[in-house]
């Protein structure tokens, strides 16, 4: 098992993960953006619609999962950094789509994150890359929590706070050795 110094920021859609990740980057911490969001944004720039991008759930989720594997394989395990979602999130999304999560579960057992933060949900705001409704967001949050707990993680719940305070909360509860602003 690969023991890492990485902290994961996860949660349902519209839980404020990305704005805190952006704030951590602004403060000089190394971050890894959310793979699915980056992929969807790129595909939309190419002229595809969200419904087209997600029409093949197995293909979409498989692509996101394989990309996460490739990205995490390139990261130095000893370096303190923050991930906007990680491999275990794919377990939740596979289950959401009715797919067999065996492969994401297998790969997720091969890596150990230093800390996992579950961001509490905020009000759902639709945008060009979000297809979820409130009911689905609640379900995703439960599936994410279930996946990480199955892997033996004690998650730190991050309350809804203004961005600077939420970022400070994460830093107070996680800053791993070697994880300092550049």
N, C-alpha and C. Protein backbone atom coordinates (compact mmCIF):
# COMPACT_ATOMS: atom_id res chain seq x y z
N UNK A 1 0.84 -1.18 0.00
CA UNK A 1 0.00 0.00 0.00
C UNK A 1 0.88 1.24 0.00
N UNK A 2 0.50 2.21 -0.81
CA UNK A 2 1.22 3.48 -0.90
C UNK A 2 0.65 4.45 0.14
N UNK A 3 1.46 4.79 1.14
CA UNK A 3 1.06 5.77 2.15
C UNK A 3 1.44 7.15 1.64
N UNK A 4 0.48 8.06 1.61
CA UNK A 4 0.74 9.39 1.06
C UNK A 4 0.58 10.47 2.11
N UNK A 5 1.03 11.63 1.74
CA UNK A 5 0.89 12.83 2.55
C UNK A 5 -0.19 13.74 1.95
N UNK A 6 -1.10 13.16 1.18
CA UNK A 6 -2.12 13.90 0.45
C UNK A 6 -3.40 14.01 1.25
N UNK A 7 -4.03 15.16 1.18
CA UNK A 7 -5.33 15.38 1.79
C UNK A 7 -6.38 15.47 0.68
N UNK A 8 -7.51 14.81 0.90
CA UNK A 8 -8.59 14.79 -0.08
C UNK A 8 -9.72 15.70 0.38
N UNK A 9 -10.18 16.52 -0.55
CA UNK A 9 -11.36 17.35 -0.31
C UNK A 9 -12.46 16.78 -1.19
N UNK A 10 -13.54 16.33 -0.56
CA UNK A 10 -14.61 15.67 -1.29
C UNK A 10 -15.96 16.11 -0.75
N UNK A 11 -17.00 15.71 -1.44
CA UNK A 11 -18.36 16.03 -1.03
C UNK A 11 -19.28 16.03 -2.23
N UNK A 12 -20.53 16.30 -1.97
CA UNK A 12 -21.54 16.34 -3.02
C UNK A 12 -21.28 17.52 -3.96
N UNK A 13 -21.93 17.49 -5.13
CA UNK A 13 -21.87 18.67 -5.99
C UNK A 13 -22.38 19.90 -5.22
N UNK A 14 -21.77 21.03 -5.44
CA UNK A 14 -22.13 22.31 -4.78
C UNK A 14 -21.87 22.29 -3.29
N UNK A 15 -20.81 21.62 -2.88
CA UNK A 15 -20.46 21.65 -1.46
C UNK A 15 -19.32 22.64 -1.20
N UNK A 16 -18.84 23.30 -2.24
CA UNK A 16 -17.81 24.31 -2.07
C UNK A 16 -16.39 23.80 -2.12
N UNK A 17 -16.20 22.58 -2.61
CA UNK A 17 -14.86 21.98 -2.68
C UNK A 17 -13.92 22.82 -3.55
N UNK A 18 -14.37 23.11 -4.74
CA UNK A 18 -13.49 23.74 -5.72
C UNK A 18 -13.08 25.15 -5.30
N UNK A 19 -13.97 25.91 -4.68
CA UNK A 19 -13.57 27.26 -4.26
C UNK A 19 -12.54 27.20 -3.14
N UNK A 20 -12.62 26.19 -2.28
CA UNK A 20 -11.60 26.04 -1.24
C UNK A 20 -10.29 25.55 -1.85
N UNK A 21 -10.38 24.63 -2.80
CA UNK A 21 -9.16 24.19 -3.52
C UNK A 21 -8.49 25.39 -4.18
N UNK A 22 -9.29 26.24 -4.83
CA UNK A 22 -8.74 27.44 -5.46
C UNK A 22 -8.10 28.37 -4.44
N UNK A 23 -8.73 28.49 -3.27
CA UNK A 23 -8.17 29.33 -2.21
C UNK A 23 -6.86 28.75 -1.68
N UNK A 24 -6.80 27.43 -1.54
CA UNK A 24 -5.54 26.79 -1.12
C UNK A 24 -4.44 27.08 -2.13
N UNK A 25 -4.76 26.99 -3.42
CA UNK A 25 -3.78 27.29 -4.47
C UNK A 25 -3.35 28.75 -4.38
N UNK A 26 -4.32 29.64 -4.18
CA UNK A 26 -4.01 31.06 -4.06
C UNK A 26 -3.06 31.32 -2.90
N UNK A 27 -3.20 30.52 -1.84
CA UNK A 27 -2.33 30.67 -0.67
C UNK A 27 -0.99 29.97 -0.85
N UNK A 28 -0.80 29.34 -2.00
CA UNK A 28 0.50 28.74 -2.31
C UNK A 28 0.63 27.25 -2.08
N UNK A 29 -0.46 26.58 -1.74
CA UNK A 29 -0.40 25.13 -1.55
C UNK A 29 -0.54 24.43 -2.90
N UNK A 30 0.05 23.27 -3.01
CA UNK A 30 -0.08 22.46 -4.23
C UNK A 30 -1.43 21.76 -4.20
N UNK A 31 -2.14 21.86 -5.30
CA UNK A 31 -3.47 21.26 -5.40
C UNK A 31 -3.56 20.43 -6.68
N UNK A 32 -4.52 19.52 -6.71
CA UNK A 32 -4.83 18.74 -7.90
C UNK A 32 -6.32 18.98 -8.17
N UNK A 33 -6.63 19.63 -9.31
CA UNK A 33 -8.04 19.95 -9.61
C UNK A 33 -8.89 18.70 -9.84
N UNK A 34 -10.20 18.88 -9.80
CA UNK A 34 -11.13 17.78 -10.02
C UNK A 34 -11.07 17.33 -11.48
N UNK A 35 -10.84 16.04 -11.66
CA UNK A 35 -10.69 15.46 -13.00
C UNK A 35 -11.97 15.58 -13.82
N UNK A 36 -13.11 15.23 -13.25
CA UNK A 36 -14.36 15.23 -14.01
C UNK A 36 -14.70 16.64 -14.48
N UNK A 37 -14.56 17.60 -13.61
CA UNK A 37 -14.88 18.99 -13.99
C UNK A 37 -13.98 19.45 -15.12
N UNK A 38 -12.70 19.18 -15.03
CA UNK A 38 -11.77 19.59 -16.08
C UNK A 38 -12.11 18.92 -17.41
N UNK A 39 -12.43 17.64 -17.37
CA UNK A 39 -12.78 16.90 -18.59
C UNK A 39 -14.06 17.47 -19.21
N UNK A 40 -15.09 17.68 -18.39
CA UNK A 40 -16.35 18.20 -18.91
C UNK A 40 -16.16 19.61 -19.49
N UNK A 41 -15.45 20.46 -18.77
CA UNK A 41 -15.17 21.82 -19.27
C UNK A 41 -14.49 21.76 -20.63
N UNK A 42 -13.50 20.88 -20.77
CA UNK A 42 -12.75 20.74 -22.02
C UNK A 42 -13.67 20.27 -23.15
N UNK A 43 -14.51 19.29 -22.86
CA UNK A 43 -15.41 18.76 -23.88
C UNK A 43 -16.45 19.81 -24.31
N UNK A 44 -16.94 20.60 -23.37
CA UNK A 44 -17.89 21.67 -23.70
C UNK A 44 -17.22 22.71 -24.58
N UNK A 45 -15.95 23.03 -24.30
CA UNK A 45 -15.22 23.97 -25.15
C UNK A 45 -15.09 23.44 -26.59
N UNK A 46 -15.10 22.12 -26.72
CA UNK A 46 -15.02 21.50 -28.06
C UNK A 46 -16.38 21.47 -28.75
N UNK A 47 -17.41 21.95 -28.06
CA UNK A 47 -18.72 22.01 -28.67
C UNK A 47 -19.68 20.90 -28.28
N UNK A 48 -19.26 20.01 -27.41
CA UNK A 48 -20.17 18.94 -26.97
C UNK A 48 -21.09 19.43 -25.87
N UNK A 49 -22.26 18.84 -25.79
CA UNK A 49 -23.22 19.16 -24.74
C UNK A 49 -23.06 18.17 -23.59
N UNK A 50 -23.45 18.59 -22.39
CA UNK A 50 -23.30 17.75 -21.20
C UNK A 50 -24.00 16.41 -21.37
N UNK A 51 -25.19 16.43 -21.94
CA UNK A 51 -25.93 15.19 -22.12
C UNK A 51 -25.17 14.21 -23.03
N UNK A 52 -24.46 14.72 -24.02
CA UNK A 52 -23.63 13.87 -24.89
C UNK A 52 -22.44 13.31 -24.12
N UNK A 53 -21.79 14.16 -23.35
CA UNK A 53 -20.58 13.77 -22.62
C UNK A 53 -20.89 12.64 -21.64
N UNK A 54 -22.06 12.73 -20.99
CA UNK A 54 -22.41 11.74 -19.97
C UNK A 54 -23.33 10.64 -20.48
N UNK A 55 -23.57 10.58 -21.79
CA UNK A 55 -24.53 9.61 -22.34
C UNK A 55 -24.10 8.17 -22.13
N UNK A 56 -22.80 7.91 -22.12
CA UNK A 56 -22.27 6.57 -21.87
C UNK A 56 -21.66 6.59 -20.46
N UNK A 57 -22.48 6.26 -19.46
CA UNK A 57 -22.04 6.36 -18.06
C UNK A 57 -20.79 5.52 -17.80
N UNK A 58 -20.75 4.29 -18.32
CA UNK A 58 -19.59 3.42 -18.08
C UNK A 58 -18.33 4.02 -18.72
N UNK A 59 -18.47 4.53 -19.92
CA UNK A 59 -17.33 5.13 -20.60
C UNK A 59 -16.86 6.39 -19.90
N UNK A 60 -17.81 7.23 -19.51
CA UNK A 60 -17.48 8.48 -18.82
C UNK A 60 -16.79 8.20 -17.49
N UNK A 61 -17.44 7.39 -16.64
CA UNK A 61 -16.86 7.10 -15.32
C UNK A 61 -15.53 6.37 -15.43
N UNK A 62 -15.42 5.47 -16.40
CA UNK A 62 -14.16 4.76 -16.63
C UNK A 62 -13.04 5.71 -17.02
N UNK A 63 -13.35 6.66 -17.89
CA UNK A 63 -12.34 7.65 -18.31
C UNK A 63 -11.88 8.49 -17.12
N UNK A 64 -12.83 8.96 -16.32
CA UNK A 64 -12.49 9.78 -15.14
C UNK A 64 -11.62 8.97 -14.18
N UNK A 65 -12.00 7.73 -13.93
CA UNK A 65 -11.26 6.88 -13.01
C UNK A 65 -9.83 6.63 -13.51
N UNK A 66 -9.69 6.26 -14.78
CA UNK A 66 -8.35 5.99 -15.34
C UNK A 66 -7.48 7.25 -15.32
N UNK A 67 -8.09 8.41 -15.53
CA UNK A 67 -7.33 9.66 -15.48
C UNK A 67 -6.85 9.93 -14.06
N UNK A 68 -7.70 9.67 -13.07
CA UNK A 68 -7.28 9.84 -11.66
C UNK A 68 -6.10 8.92 -11.35
N UNK A 69 -6.17 7.68 -11.81
CA UNK A 69 -5.06 6.74 -11.57
C UNK A 69 -3.77 7.30 -12.14
N UNK A 70 -3.84 7.77 -13.39
CA UNK A 70 -2.64 8.29 -14.06
C UNK A 70 -2.09 9.52 -13.33
N UNK A 71 -2.97 10.40 -12.91
CA UNK A 71 -2.52 11.61 -12.20
C UNK A 71 -1.89 11.24 -10.87
N UNK A 72 -2.57 10.41 -10.08
CA UNK A 72 -2.04 10.06 -8.77
C UNK A 72 -0.73 9.28 -8.87
N UNK A 73 -0.56 8.51 -9.93
CA UNK A 73 0.69 7.75 -10.13
C UNK A 73 1.89 8.68 -10.32
N UNK A 74 1.63 9.91 -10.78
CA UNK A 74 2.71 10.86 -11.03
C UNK A 74 3.03 11.75 -9.82
N UNK A 75 2.21 11.68 -8.80
CA UNK A 75 2.41 12.55 -7.64
C UNK A 75 3.39 11.93 -6.65
N UNK A 76 4.30 12.73 -6.10
CA UNK A 76 5.20 12.20 -5.07
C UNK A 76 4.43 11.95 -3.77
N UNK A 77 4.48 10.72 -3.29
CA UNK A 77 3.70 10.32 -2.11
C UNK A 77 4.07 11.13 -0.87
N UNK A 78 5.32 11.55 -0.76
CA UNK A 78 5.77 12.26 0.44
C UNK A 78 5.35 13.73 0.45
N UNK A 79 4.97 14.26 -0.70
CA UNK A 79 4.64 15.68 -0.79
C UNK A 79 3.25 15.95 -0.25
N UNK A 80 3.13 16.96 0.60
CA UNK A 80 1.83 17.36 1.10
C UNK A 80 1.10 18.15 0.03
N UNK A 81 -0.10 17.72 -0.32
CA UNK A 81 -0.90 18.42 -1.31
C UNK A 81 -2.37 18.12 -1.09
N UNK A 82 -3.21 18.83 -1.80
CA UNK A 82 -4.65 18.69 -1.66
C UNK A 82 -5.27 18.26 -2.99
N UNK A 83 -6.08 17.21 -2.93
CA UNK A 83 -6.77 16.69 -4.11
C UNK A 83 -8.25 17.08 -4.06
N UNK A 84 -8.77 17.60 -5.17
CA UNK A 84 -10.20 17.84 -5.31
C UNK A 84 -10.78 16.53 -5.83
N UNK A 85 -11.21 15.69 -4.92
CA UNK A 85 -11.68 14.31 -5.14
C UNK A 85 -10.47 13.40 -5.36
N UNK A 86 -10.69 12.10 -5.10
CA UNK A 86 -9.62 11.11 -5.26
C UNK A 86 -10.24 9.80 -5.74
N UNK A 87 -9.42 8.77 -5.83
CA UNK A 87 -9.88 7.48 -6.37
C UNK A 87 -11.16 6.96 -5.72
N UNK A 88 -11.30 7.00 -4.38
CA UNK A 88 -12.52 6.45 -3.78
C UNK A 88 -13.81 7.14 -4.21
N UNK A 89 -13.72 8.39 -4.68
CA UNK A 89 -14.92 9.05 -5.18
C UNK A 89 -15.50 8.28 -6.37
N UNK A 90 -14.64 7.63 -7.13
CA UNK A 90 -15.13 6.84 -8.27
C UNK A 90 -15.98 5.66 -7.82
N UNK A 91 -15.69 5.11 -6.65
CA UNK A 91 -16.54 4.03 -6.11
C UNK A 91 -17.97 4.55 -5.99
N UNK A 92 -18.11 5.73 -5.42
CA UNK A 92 -19.43 6.34 -5.23
C UNK A 92 -20.12 6.60 -6.56
N UNK A 93 -19.40 7.16 -7.50
CA UNK A 93 -20.02 7.48 -8.79
C UNK A 93 -20.33 6.23 -9.60
N UNK A 94 -19.51 5.20 -9.50
CA UNK A 94 -19.84 3.93 -10.15
C UNK A 94 -21.16 3.40 -9.58
N UNK A 95 -21.28 3.41 -8.26
CA UNK A 95 -22.51 2.93 -7.62
C UNK A 95 -23.72 3.78 -8.02
N UNK A 96 -23.52 5.08 -8.08
CA UNK A 96 -24.61 5.97 -8.49
C UNK A 96 -25.13 5.59 -9.87
N UNK A 97 -24.23 5.21 -10.76
CA UNK A 97 -24.59 4.86 -12.14
C UNK A 97 -24.97 3.40 -12.30
N UNK A 98 -24.96 2.63 -11.21
CA UNK A 98 -25.32 1.21 -11.29
C UNK A 98 -24.22 0.35 -11.88
N UNK A 99 -22.98 0.84 -11.82
CA UNK A 99 -21.82 0.12 -12.35
C UNK A 99 -21.13 -0.67 -11.23
N UNK A 100 -20.41 -1.70 -11.60
CA UNK A 100 -19.67 -2.51 -10.64
C UNK A 100 -18.44 -1.72 -10.16
N UNK A 101 -18.33 -1.42 -8.87
CA UNK A 101 -17.21 -0.63 -8.36
C UNK A 101 -15.97 -1.46 -8.00
N UNK A 102 -15.89 -2.70 -8.46
CA UNK A 102 -14.78 -3.57 -8.06
C UNK A 102 -13.41 -2.97 -8.42
N UNK A 103 -13.26 -2.46 -9.65
CA UNK A 103 -11.97 -1.92 -10.05
C UNK A 103 -11.61 -0.66 -9.26
N UNK A 104 -12.52 0.31 -9.11
CA UNK A 104 -12.15 1.46 -8.26
C UNK A 104 -11.86 1.05 -6.82
N UNK A 105 -12.57 0.06 -6.29
CA UNK A 105 -12.32 -0.40 -4.93
C UNK A 105 -10.92 -1.00 -4.83
N UNK A 106 -10.55 -1.83 -5.79
CA UNK A 106 -9.23 -2.46 -5.80
C UNK A 106 -8.12 -1.41 -5.80
N UNK A 107 -8.21 -0.45 -6.70
CA UNK A 107 -7.17 0.58 -6.79
C UNK A 107 -7.18 1.50 -5.57
N UNK A 108 -8.35 1.77 -5.02
CA UNK A 108 -8.44 2.63 -3.85
C UNK A 108 -7.81 1.98 -2.62
N UNK A 109 -7.78 0.67 -2.58
CA UNK A 109 -7.14 -0.04 -1.45
C UNK A 109 -5.61 -0.01 -1.55
N UNK A 110 -5.09 0.42 -2.68
CA UNK A 110 -3.63 0.44 -2.89
C UNK A 110 -2.97 1.75 -2.46
N UNK A 111 -3.79 2.72 -2.10
CA UNK A 111 -3.26 4.03 -1.71
C UNK A 111 -3.94 4.45 -0.41
N UNK A 112 -3.21 5.18 0.41
CA UNK A 112 -3.77 5.67 1.67
C UNK A 112 -3.51 7.17 1.75
N UNK A 113 -4.60 7.93 1.89
CA UNK A 113 -4.51 9.38 1.99
C UNK A 113 -4.33 9.78 3.45
N UNK A 114 -3.61 10.86 3.67
CA UNK A 114 -3.35 11.32 5.03
C UNK A 114 -4.62 11.79 5.73
N UNK A 115 -5.46 12.53 5.00
CA UNK A 115 -6.70 13.06 5.58
C UNK A 115 -7.76 13.14 4.49
N UNK A 116 -9.01 12.98 4.91
CA UNK A 116 -10.14 13.09 3.98
C UNK A 116 -11.16 14.04 4.61
N UNK A 117 -11.51 15.08 3.86
CA UNK A 117 -12.47 16.09 4.30
C UNK A 117 -13.74 15.97 3.49
N UNK A 118 -14.85 15.78 4.19
CA UNK A 118 -16.16 15.72 3.55
C UNK A 118 -16.85 17.06 3.77
N UNK A 119 -17.00 17.81 2.69
CA UNK A 119 -17.62 19.13 2.76
C UNK A 119 -19.14 18.99 2.83
N UNK A 120 -19.74 19.65 3.81
CA UNK A 120 -21.19 19.64 3.93
C UNK A 120 -21.79 20.41 2.76
N UNK A 121 -22.97 19.94 2.34
CA UNK A 121 -23.62 20.51 1.17
C UNK A 121 -24.11 21.93 1.41
N UNK A 122 -24.05 22.69 0.33
CA UNK A 122 -24.62 24.03 0.30
C UNK A 122 -25.80 23.96 -0.67
N UNK A 123 -26.43 25.06 -0.95
CA UNK A 123 -27.52 25.07 -1.91
C UNK A 123 -27.03 24.69 -3.30
N UNK A 124 -27.79 23.85 -3.98
CA UNK A 124 -27.40 23.40 -5.32
C UNK A 124 -27.58 24.52 -6.33
N UNK A 125 -26.53 24.77 -7.09
CA UNK A 125 -26.56 25.79 -8.13
C UNK A 125 -26.24 25.10 -9.45
N UNK A 126 -27.14 25.20 -10.41
CA UNK A 126 -26.92 24.59 -11.72
C UNK A 126 -25.93 25.43 -12.51
N UNK A 127 -25.07 24.75 -13.25
CA UNK A 127 -24.19 25.42 -14.21
C UNK A 127 -24.00 24.49 -15.40
N UNK A 128 -23.12 24.84 -16.30
CA UNK A 128 -22.96 24.09 -17.55
C UNK A 128 -22.47 22.66 -17.36
N UNK A 129 -21.85 22.36 -16.22
CA UNK A 129 -21.31 21.01 -16.03
C UNK A 129 -22.04 20.20 -14.96
N UNK A 130 -23.05 20.76 -14.34
CA UNK A 130 -23.80 20.04 -13.30
C UNK A 130 -25.11 19.53 -13.85
N UNK A 131 -25.33 18.24 -13.70
CA UNK A 131 -26.59 17.65 -14.14
C UNK A 131 -27.42 17.16 -12.95
N UNK A 132 -26.87 17.23 -11.74
CA UNK A 132 -27.53 16.68 -10.56
C UNK A 132 -28.62 17.61 -10.03
N UNK A 133 -29.62 17.00 -9.40
CA UNK A 133 -30.61 17.76 -8.65
C UNK A 133 -30.29 17.55 -7.17
N UNK A 134 -31.08 18.18 -6.28
CA UNK A 134 -30.81 18.09 -4.84
C UNK A 134 -30.85 16.65 -4.34
N UNK A 135 -31.83 15.89 -4.79
CA UNK A 135 -31.95 14.49 -4.36
C UNK A 135 -30.71 13.68 -4.76
N UNK A 136 -30.23 13.89 -5.96
CA UNK A 136 -29.02 13.18 -6.42
C UNK A 136 -27.80 13.64 -5.63
N UNK A 137 -27.70 14.93 -5.33
CA UNK A 137 -26.57 15.44 -4.55
C UNK A 137 -26.54 14.80 -3.17
N UNK A 138 -27.70 14.66 -2.54
CA UNK A 138 -27.78 14.01 -1.23
C UNK A 138 -27.32 12.55 -1.35
N UNK A 139 -27.76 11.89 -2.39
CA UNK A 139 -27.37 10.48 -2.60
C UNK A 139 -25.86 10.37 -2.84
N UNK A 140 -25.30 11.26 -3.64
CA UNK A 140 -23.85 11.24 -3.90
C UNK A 140 -23.08 11.42 -2.61
N UNK A 141 -23.50 12.37 -1.78
CA UNK A 141 -22.81 12.59 -0.51
C UNK A 141 -22.79 11.31 0.32
N UNK A 142 -23.92 10.63 0.41
CA UNK A 142 -23.99 9.38 1.17
C UNK A 142 -23.10 8.29 0.58
N UNK A 143 -23.09 8.18 -0.74
CA UNK A 143 -22.25 7.17 -1.40
C UNK A 143 -20.77 7.47 -1.22
N UNK A 144 -20.40 8.74 -1.24
CA UNK A 144 -18.99 9.11 -1.02
C UNK A 144 -18.58 8.75 0.40
N UNK A 145 -19.41 9.14 1.36
CA UNK A 145 -19.09 8.82 2.76
C UNK A 145 -18.98 7.31 2.96
N UNK A 146 -19.90 6.57 2.39
CA UNK A 146 -19.88 5.10 2.49
C UNK A 146 -18.60 4.52 1.89
N UNK A 147 -18.18 5.00 0.74
CA UNK A 147 -16.98 4.47 0.07
C UNK A 147 -15.74 4.69 0.92
N UNK A 148 -15.56 5.90 1.42
CA UNK A 148 -14.37 6.18 2.23
C UNK A 148 -14.40 5.40 3.55
N UNK A 149 -15.56 5.27 4.15
CA UNK A 149 -15.65 4.51 5.41
C UNK A 149 -15.34 3.04 5.17
N UNK A 150 -15.82 2.48 4.05
CA UNK A 150 -15.50 1.09 3.71
C UNK A 150 -13.99 0.88 3.61
N UNK A 151 -13.29 1.92 3.22
CA UNK A 151 -11.83 1.85 3.07
C UNK A 151 -11.11 2.17 4.38
N UNK A 152 -11.88 2.41 5.45
CA UNK A 152 -11.28 2.62 6.76
C UNK A 152 -10.91 4.05 7.11
N UNK A 153 -11.44 5.02 6.38
CA UNK A 153 -11.13 6.41 6.67
C UNK A 153 -12.10 6.99 7.69
N UNK A 154 -11.56 7.81 8.58
CA UNK A 154 -12.37 8.66 9.45
C UNK A 154 -12.37 10.02 8.76
N UNK A 155 -13.52 10.42 8.31
CA UNK A 155 -13.59 11.66 7.56
C UNK A 155 -13.82 12.84 8.49
N UNK A 156 -13.23 13.97 8.15
CA UNK A 156 -13.45 15.20 8.88
C UNK A 156 -14.55 15.96 8.13
N UNK A 157 -15.67 16.19 8.81
CA UNK A 157 -16.78 16.94 8.20
C UNK A 157 -16.45 18.43 8.28
N UNK A 158 -16.59 19.09 7.15
CA UNK A 158 -16.28 20.51 7.08
C UNK A 158 -17.60 21.27 6.99
N UNK A 159 -17.91 22.08 8.01
CA UNK A 159 -19.18 22.80 8.01
C UNK A 159 -19.20 23.90 6.95
N UNK A 160 -20.41 24.35 6.64
CA UNK A 160 -20.56 25.46 5.71
C UNK A 160 -20.12 26.73 6.44
N UNK A 161 -19.12 27.36 5.89
CA UNK A 161 -18.54 28.59 6.42
C UNK A 161 -18.13 29.46 5.23
N UNK A 162 -17.84 30.73 5.45
CA UNK A 162 -17.27 31.53 4.36
C UNK A 162 -15.95 30.91 3.89
N UNK A 163 -15.59 31.13 2.65
CA UNK A 163 -14.43 30.47 2.03
C UNK A 163 -13.15 30.61 2.86
N UNK A 164 -12.77 31.79 3.31
CA UNK A 164 -11.52 31.88 4.10
C UNK A 164 -11.56 31.03 5.37
N UNK A 165 -12.71 31.04 6.06
CA UNK A 165 -12.83 30.26 7.29
C UNK A 165 -12.85 28.76 7.01
N UNK A 166 -13.49 28.36 5.94
CA UNK A 166 -13.50 26.95 5.56
C UNK A 166 -12.08 26.48 5.22
N UNK A 167 -11.37 27.32 4.50
CA UNK A 167 -9.98 27.00 4.15
C UNK A 167 -9.13 26.89 5.41
N UNK A 168 -9.29 27.83 6.32
CA UNK A 168 -8.55 27.79 7.59
C UNK A 168 -8.89 26.52 8.37
N UNK A 169 -10.17 26.13 8.36
CA UNK A 169 -10.62 24.90 9.04
C UNK A 169 -9.85 23.70 8.48
N UNK A 170 -9.79 23.59 7.16
CA UNK A 170 -9.07 22.48 6.53
C UNK A 170 -7.60 22.51 6.93
N UNK A 171 -7.00 23.67 6.88
CA UNK A 171 -5.57 23.76 7.22
C UNK A 171 -5.32 23.42 8.69
N UNK A 172 -6.20 23.85 9.57
CA UNK A 172 -6.04 23.52 11.00
C UNK A 172 -6.12 22.02 11.25
N UNK A 173 -6.95 21.34 10.47
CA UNK A 173 -7.19 19.92 10.70
C UNK A 173 -6.36 19.00 9.81
N UNK A 174 -5.51 19.56 8.97
CA UNK A 174 -4.83 18.66 8.05
C UNK A 174 -3.41 18.95 7.71
N UNK A 175 -2.95 20.12 7.86
CA UNK A 175 -1.70 20.45 7.23
C UNK A 175 -0.64 19.41 7.54
N UNK A 176 -0.37 18.56 6.55
CA UNK A 176 0.61 17.50 6.75
C UNK A 176 2.04 18.03 6.72
N UNK A 177 2.95 17.26 7.30
CA UNK A 177 4.35 17.65 7.21
C UNK A 177 4.72 17.82 5.74
N UNK A 178 5.44 18.84 5.42
CA UNK A 178 5.86 19.06 4.04
C UNK A 178 4.81 19.78 3.21
N UNK A 179 3.66 20.08 3.78
CA UNK A 179 2.60 20.76 3.05
C UNK A 179 2.56 22.21 3.53
N UNK A 180 3.31 23.04 2.85
CA UNK A 180 3.34 24.47 3.19
C UNK A 180 3.23 25.24 1.89
N UNK A 181 2.82 26.48 2.02
CA UNK A 181 2.76 27.30 0.82
C UNK A 181 4.14 27.41 0.19
N UNK A 182 4.16 27.51 -1.12
CA UNK A 182 5.42 27.64 -1.84
C UNK A 182 6.03 28.99 -1.60
